[in-house]
Amino acid sequence: MSTTESKRYKNPAPTRGGARAGAGRKKGSTPRYTLEDLMAQVEHHTGRTYAEQVAINYATAIGRSDWSGVRDYDKVLLGKMVADKQEVEVVNSESEAETRQLVFQEALAKLQALSTKAK
């Protein structure tokens, strides 16, 4: 065994995995491309907005009976619609709140009556 082979495994090289100092993006750096940049590129190259292109692709998938593609588009479109409809404002008047409180008290009284009968 030569001397170079014996030294080879005694001192592991620093490039054998693990985190290295200075690696990766710097803190506070911005991405090279933004979503708006990508959407503008799609519109520039296709001559249509991204939403129009998605609708065309969806119709094309239906036309060629690509049901897995249609399912994927359904998920994307439904997810977008549900995300847009998340805001719900609930307004209860005082009379509604009082009515609910009375109904709850009646239901609680009935449960207590049933539990005392069972004992």
C-alpha atoms as a PDB file:
ATOM      1  CA  MET A   1       0.000   0.000   0.000  1.00  0.00           C
ATOM      2  CA  SER A   2       1.431   3.362  -0.977  1.00  0.00           C
ATOM      3  CA  THR A   3       1.462   6.452   1.223  1.00  0.00           C
ATOM      4  CA  THR A   4      -1.084   8.287  -0.935  1.00  0.00           C
ATOM      5  CA  GLU A   5      -3.656   5.530  -0.446  1.00  0.00           C
ATOM      6  CA  SER A   6      -3.244   5.470   3.322  1.00  0.00           C
ATOM      7  CA  LYS A   7      -3.682   9.265   3.598  1.00  0.00           C
ATOM      8  CA  ARG A   8      -6.700   9.191   1.327  1.00  0.00           C
ATOM      9  CA  TYR A   9      -9.171   8.022   3.973  1.00  0.00           C
ATOM     10  CA  LYS A  10      -7.637   9.603   7.070  1.00  0.00           C
ATOM     11  CA  ASN A  11      -8.728  13.169   6.235  1.00  0.00           C
ATOM     12  CA  PRO A  12     -12.186  13.246   4.637  1.00  0.00           C
ATOM     13  CA  ALA A  13     -12.663  15.881   1.987  1.00  0.00           C
ATOM     14  CA  PRO A  14     -14.943  18.796   2.890  1.00  0.00           C
ATOM     15  CA  THR A  15     -17.061  18.135  -0.218  1.00  0.00           C
ATOM     16  CA  ARG A  16     -18.697  14.969   1.113  1.00  0.00           C
ATOM     17  CA  GLY A  17     -22.162  16.374   1.668  1.00  0.00           C
ATOM     18  CA  GLY A  18     -23.637  18.553   4.340  1.00  0.00           C
ATOM     19  CA  ALA A  19     -24.185  22.272   4.488  1.00  0.00           C
ATOM     20  CA  ARG A  20     -21.361  24.520   3.426  1.00  0.00           C
ATOM     21  CA  ALA A  21     -20.738  28.071   4.519  1.00  0.00           C
ATOM     22  CA  GLY A  22     -21.861  30.626   1.955  1.00  0.00           C
ATOM     23  CA  ALA A  23     -23.959  28.164  -0.036  1.00  0.00           C
ATOM     24  CA  GLY A  24     -27.425  29.071  -1.301  1.00  0.00           C
ATOM     25  CA  ARG A  25     -29.208  32.345  -1.864  1.00  0.00           C
ATOM     26  CA  LYS A  26     -28.334  35.283   0.304  1.00  0.00           C
ATOM     27  CA  LYS A  27     -30.884  36.559   2.839  1.00  0.00           C
ATOM     28  CA  GLY A  28     -33.185  39.176   1.397  1.00  0.00           C
ATOM     29  CA  SER A  29     -32.426  38.315  -2.197  1.00  0.00           C
ATOM     30  CA  THR A  30     -35.345  38.410  -4.593  1.00  0.00           C
ATOM     31  CA  PRO A  31     -36.249  35.667  -7.042  1.00  0.00           C
ATOM     32  CA  ARG A  32     -35.048  36.108 -10.559  1.00  0.00           C
ATOM     33  CA  TYR A  33     -38.566  35.853 -11.990  1.00  0.00           C
ATOM     34  CA  THR A  34     -41.838  36.903 -10.443  1.00  0.00           C
ATOM     35  CA  LEU A  35     -45.242  35.404 -11.142  1.00  0.00           C
ATOM     36  CA  GLU A  36     -46.207  38.571 -12.980  1.00  0.00           C
ATOM     37  CA  ASP A  37     -43.132  38.209 -15.217  1.00  0.00           C
ATOM     38  CA  LEU A  38     -44.085  34.625 -16.067  1.00  0.00           C
ATOM     39  CA  MET A  39     -47.695  35.574 -16.806  1.00  0.00           C
ATOM     40  CA  ALA A  40     -46.519  38.400 -19.040  1.00  0.00           C
ATOM     41  CA  GLN A  41     -44.256  35.966 -20.921  1.00  0.00           C
ATOM     42  CA  VAL A  42     -47.154  33.537 -21.456  1.00  0.00           C
ATOM     43  CA  GLU A  43     -49.307  36.383 -22.769  1.00  0.00           C
ATOM     44  CA  HIS A  44     -46.499  37.644 -25.000  1.00  0.00           C
ATOM     45  CA  HIS A  45     -45.800  34.245 -26.594  1.00  0.00           C
ATOM     46  CA  THR A  46     -49.393  33.015 -26.942  1.00  0.00           C
ATOM     47  CA  GLY A  47     -51.150  36.307 -27.614  1.00  0.00           C
ATOM     48  CA  ARG A  48     -53.695  35.403 -24.908  1.00  0.00           C
ATOM     49  CA  THR A  49     -53.941  35.967 -21.189  1.00  0.00           C
ATOM     50  CA  TYR A  50     -53.074  33.072 -18.916  1.00  0.00           C
ATOM     51  CA  ALA A  51     -56.751  32.584 -17.986  1.00  0.00           C
ATOM     52  CA  GLU A  52     -57.741  32.419 -21.666  1.00  0.00           C
ATOM     53  CA  GLN A  53     -54.988  29.888 -22.358  1.00  0.00           C
ATOM     54  CA  VAL A  54     -56.080  27.703 -19.438  1.00  0.00           C
ATOM     55  CA  ALA A  55     -59.670  27.773 -20.727  1.00  0.00           C
ATOM     56  CA  ILE A  56     -58.510  26.786 -24.237  1.00  0.00           C
ATOM     57  CA  ASN A  57     -56.350  23.967 -22.864  1.00  0.00           C
ATOM     58  CA  TYR A  58     -59.297  22.744 -20.765  1.00  0.00           C
ATOM     59  CA  ALA A  59     -61.598  22.690 -23.790  1.00  0.00           C
ATOM     60  CA  THR A  60     -58.914  20.913 -25.827  1.00  0.00           C
ATOM     61  CA  ALA A  61     -58.500  18.254 -23.125  1.00  0.00           C
ATOM     62  CA  ILE A  62     -62.258  17.644 -23.189  1.00  0.00           C
ATOM     63  CA  GLY A  63     -62.238  17.476 -26.993  1.00  0.00           C
ATOM     64  CA  ARG A  64     -59.548  14.812 -27.125  1.00  0.00           C
ATOM     65  CA  SER A  65     -61.080  12.813 -24.229  1.00  0.00           C
ATOM     66  CA  ASP A  66     -58.050  13.319 -21.984  1.00  0.00           C
ATOM     67  CA  TRP A  67     -60.009  12.627 -18.805  1.00  0.00           C
ATOM     68  CA  SER A  68     -57.019  12.728 -16.474  1.00  0.00           C
ATOM     69  CA  GLY A  69     -56.150  16.149 -17.879  1.00  0.00           C
ATOM     70  CA  VAL A  70     -59.766  17.269 -17.538  1.00  0.00           C
ATOM     71  CA  ARG A  71     -59.736  16.097 -13.918  1.00  0.00           C
ATOM     72  CA  ASP A  72     -56.555  18.086 -13.262  1.00  0.00           C
ATOM     73  CA  TYR A  73     -58.057  21.206 -14.822  1.00  0.00           C
ATOM     74  CA  ASP A  74     -61.237  20.673 -12.783  1.00  0.00           C
ATOM     75  CA  LYS A  75     -59.163  20.607  -9.586  1.00  0.00           C
ATOM     76  CA  VAL A  76     -57.267  23.743 -10.539  1.00  0.00           C
ATOM     77  CA  LEU A  77     -60.349  25.677 -11.599  1.00  0.00           C
ATOM     78  CA  LEU A  78     -62.411  24.541  -8.616  1.00  0.00           C
ATOM     79  CA  GLY A  79     -59.560  25.427  -6.273  1.00  0.00           C
ATOM     80  CA  LYS A  80     -59.415  28.908  -7.772  1.00  0.00           C
ATOM     81  CA  MET A  81     -63.165  29.410  -7.504  1.00  0.00           C
ATOM     82  CA  VAL A  82     -63.309  28.165  -3.914  1.00  0.00           C
ATOM     83  CA  ALA A  83     -60.343  30.327  -2.925  1.00  0.00           C
ATOM     84  CA  ASP A  84     -62.084  33.394  -4.358  1.00  0.00           C
ATOM     85  CA  LYS A  85     -65.345  32.656  -2.515  1.00  0.00           C
ATOM     86  CA  GLN A  86     -63.882  32.211   0.986  1.00  0.00           C
ATOM     87  CA  GLU A  87     -65.117  35.514   2.430  1.00  0.00           C
ATOM     88  CA  VAL A  88     -68.434  35.106   4.180  1.00  0.00           C
ATOM     89  CA  GLU A  89     -69.965  37.704   6.421  1.00  0.00           C
ATOM     90  CA  VAL A  90     -72.369  36.447   9.056  1.00  0.00           C
ATOM     91  CA  VAL A  91     -74.581  38.990  10.718  1.00  0.00           C
ATOM     92  CA  ASN A  92     -76.881  37.938  13.534  1.00  0.00           C
ATOM     93  CA  SER A  93     -79.510  40.278  14.803  1.00  0.00           C
ATOM     94  CA  GLU A  94     -80.293  40.417  18.509  1.00  0.00           C
ATOM     95  CA  SER A  95     -83.577  38.566  17.999  1.00  0.00           C
ATOM     96  CA  GLU A  96     -81.800  35.705  16.212  1.00  0.00           C
ATOM     97  CA  ALA A  97     -79.248  35.442  19.000  1.00  0.00           C
ATOM     98  CA  GLU A  98     -82.018  35.383  21.626  1.00  0.00           C
ATOM     99  CA  THR A  99     -83.937  32.742  19.657  1.00  0.00           C
ATOM    100  CA  ARG A 100     -80.854  30.546  19.385  1.00  0.00           C
ATOM    101  CA  GLN A 101     -80.181  30.931  23.095  1.00  0.00           C
ATOM    102  CA  LEU A 102     -83.746  29.872  23.962  1.00  0.00           C
ATOM    103  CA  VAL A 103     -83.604  26.861  21.623  1.00  0.00           C
ATOM    104  CA  PHE A 104     -80.282  25.808  23.156  1.00  0.00           C
ATOM    105  CA  GLN A 105     -81.681  26.141  26.690  1.00  0.00           C
ATOM    106  CA  GLU A 106     -84.725  24.029  25.755  1.00  0.00           C
ATOM    107  CA  ALA A 107     -82.538  21.321  24.205  1.00  0.00           C
ATOM    108  CA  LEU A 108     -80.301  21.312  27.280  1.00  0.00           C
ATOM    109  CA  ALA A 109     -83.328  20.996  29.572  1.00  0.00           C
ATOM    110  CA  LYS A 110     -84.600  18.022  27.548  1.00  0.00           C
ATOM    111  CA  LEU A 111     -81.203  16.312  27.775  1.00  0.00           C
ATOM    112  CA  GLN A 112     -81.103  16.852  31.527  1.00  0.00           C
ATOM    113  CA  ALA A 113     -84.607  15.426  31.875  1.00  0.00           C
ATOM    114  CA  LEU A 114     -83.641  12.344  29.865  1.00  0.00           C
ATOM    115  CA  SER A 115     -80.506  11.797  31.917  1.00  0.00           C
ATOM    116  CA  THR A 116     -82.416  12.005  35.216  1.00  0.00           C
ATOM    117  CA  LYS A 117     -85.022   9.479  33.926  1.00  0.00           C
ATOM    118  CA  ALA A 118     -82.238   7.068  32.942  1.00  0.00           C
ATOM    119  CA  LYS A 119     -80.818   7.110  36.492  1.00  0.00           C
END
